[in-house]
């Protein structure tokens, strides 16, 4: 119910909701760790037109390798095409640095 918002332990769905927020697979986490070891950063753009995604698992990839995750739910090309284009341009233009050393 809306009256339980912001309260901890508020609803009977807490355990099931917490379970839904856990990744269904560790594949993307291990792939992200491999990418990080080889200084590869991955930006992930998810733009599903329908259905659901295991974002808890998918978004582990950029989290582990210094990338960014972008989510455009219920994507429609006519409505969201410009947002997707801007997102892609930002990803391509972004600068990343790995294993930097600073001496004073």
Protein backbone atom coordinates (compact mmCIF):
# COMPACT_ATOMS: atom_id res chain seq x y z
CA UNK A 1 0.00 0.00 0.00
CA UNK A 2 1.07 3.60 -0.47
CA UNK A 3 0.96 4.19 3.29
CA UNK A 4 3.93 1.83 3.79
CA UNK A 5 6.27 3.72 1.44
CA UNK A 6 9.52 4.72 3.01
CA UNK A 7 9.09 2.36 5.95
CA UNK A 8 11.41 -0.61 6.34
CA UNK A 9 9.74 -4.00 6.57
CA UNK A 10 6.52 -2.43 5.36
CA UNK A 11 4.91 -5.05 3.15
CA UNK A 12 4.42 -8.76 2.83
CA UNK A 13 6.19 -8.67 -0.57
CA UNK A 14 9.54 -7.55 0.88
CA UNK A 15 11.25 -10.95 0.60
CA UNK A 16 9.98 -11.61 -2.92
CA UNK A 17 10.81 -8.07 -4.03
CA UNK A 18 14.34 -8.43 -2.66
CA UNK A 19 14.71 -11.74 -4.52
CA UNK A 20 13.63 -10.07 -7.78
CA UNK A 21 16.37 -7.47 -7.38
CA UNK A 22 19.10 -10.14 -7.23
CA UNK A 23 20.74 -11.14 -10.50
CA UNK A 24 19.52 -14.39 -12.05
CA UNK A 25 23.01 -15.16 -13.38
CA UNK A 26 26.60 -14.32 -12.45
CA UNK A 27 27.75 -14.46 -16.10
CA UNK A 28 27.82 -10.69 -16.63
CA UNK A 29 29.60 -10.11 -13.33
CA UNK A 30 32.41 -12.51 -14.30
CA UNK A 31 32.57 -11.04 -17.82
CA UNK A 32 32.86 -7.55 -16.30
CA UNK A 33 35.70 -8.70 -14.05
CA UNK A 34 37.52 -10.16 -17.09
CA UNK A 35 37.04 -6.90 -18.98
CA UNK A 36 38.39 -4.90 -16.04
CA UNK A 37 41.51 -7.09 -15.84
CA UNK A 38 42.24 -6.33 -19.50
CA UNK A 39 41.38 -2.60 -19.16
CA UNK A 40 38.22 -2.82 -21.25
CA UNK A 41 35.23 -0.69 -20.34
CA UNK A 42 31.73 -1.60 -21.52
CA UNK A 43 28.78 0.75 -21.81
CA UNK A 44 25.50 -1.11 -21.98
CA UNK A 45 22.37 0.35 -23.56
CA UNK A 46 19.15 -1.60 -23.02
CA UNK A 47 16.14 -0.44 -25.01
CA UNK A 48 13.51 -3.19 -24.91
CA UNK A 49 10.28 -2.49 -26.74
CA UNK A 50 8.36 -4.87 -24.50
CA UNK A 51 8.85 -7.50 -21.83
CA UNK A 52 11.27 -7.54 -18.98
CA UNK A 53 15.03 -7.77 -18.69
CA UNK A 54 17.19 -9.13 -15.92
CA UNK A 55 18.71 -5.71 -15.37
CA UNK A 56 20.11 -6.83 -12.01
CA UNK A 57 22.35 -9.26 -13.93
CA UNK A 58 22.94 -7.21 -17.09
CA UNK A 59 23.98 -4.04 -15.29
CA UNK A 60 26.71 -5.91 -13.39
CA UNK A 61 28.81 -5.87 -16.56
CA UNK A 62 29.39 -2.10 -16.74
CA UNK A 63 29.49 -1.87 -12.95
CA UNK A 64 32.48 -4.23 -12.77
CA UNK A 65 34.49 -2.75 -15.64
CA UNK A 66 33.97 1.00 -15.20
CA UNK A 67 31.30 1.41 -17.85
CA UNK A 68 27.84 2.89 -17.72
CA UNK A 69 24.38 1.33 -17.94
CA UNK A 70 21.56 3.06 -19.79
CA UNK A 71 17.97 1.85 -19.71
CA UNK A 72 15.24 3.08 -22.04
CA UNK A 73 12.12 1.11 -21.05
CA UNK A 74 9.30 0.44 -23.53
CA UNK A 75 11.43 1.84 -26.35
CA UNK A 76 9.62 3.22 -29.39
CA UNK A 77 11.87 4.42 -32.21
CA UNK A 78 9.68 7.37 -33.17
CA UNK A 79 9.35 8.61 -29.59
CA UNK A 80 12.75 7.60 -28.13
CA UNK A 81 15.06 7.60 -31.15
CA UNK A 82 16.63 10.95 -30.30
CA UNK A 83 17.30 9.85 -26.71
CA UNK A 84 18.97 6.68 -27.96
CA UNK A 85 21.09 8.64 -30.44
CA UNK A 86 22.24 11.08 -27.73
CA UNK A 87 23.06 8.17 -25.45
CA UNK A 88 25.17 6.48 -28.13
CA UNK A 89 27.02 9.71 -28.92
CA UNK A 90 27.78 10.23 -25.20
CA UNK A 91 29.11 6.67 -24.94
CA UNK A 92 31.32 6.99 -27.99
CA UNK A 93 32.71 10.40 -27.02
CA UNK A 94 33.40 9.59 -23.36
CA UNK A 95 37.00 9.30 -22.27
CA UNK A 96 38.14 6.54 -19.94
CA UNK A 97 41.50 6.00 -18.29
CA UNK A 98 42.80 2.85 -16.64
CA UNK A 99 45.78 2.22 -14.40
CA UNK A 100 46.77 5.86 -14.08
CA UNK A 101 49.71 6.83 -11.90
CA UNK A 102 50.20 10.26 -10.44
CA UNK A 103 53.51 11.38 -8.98
CA UNK A 104 53.88 14.39 -6.79
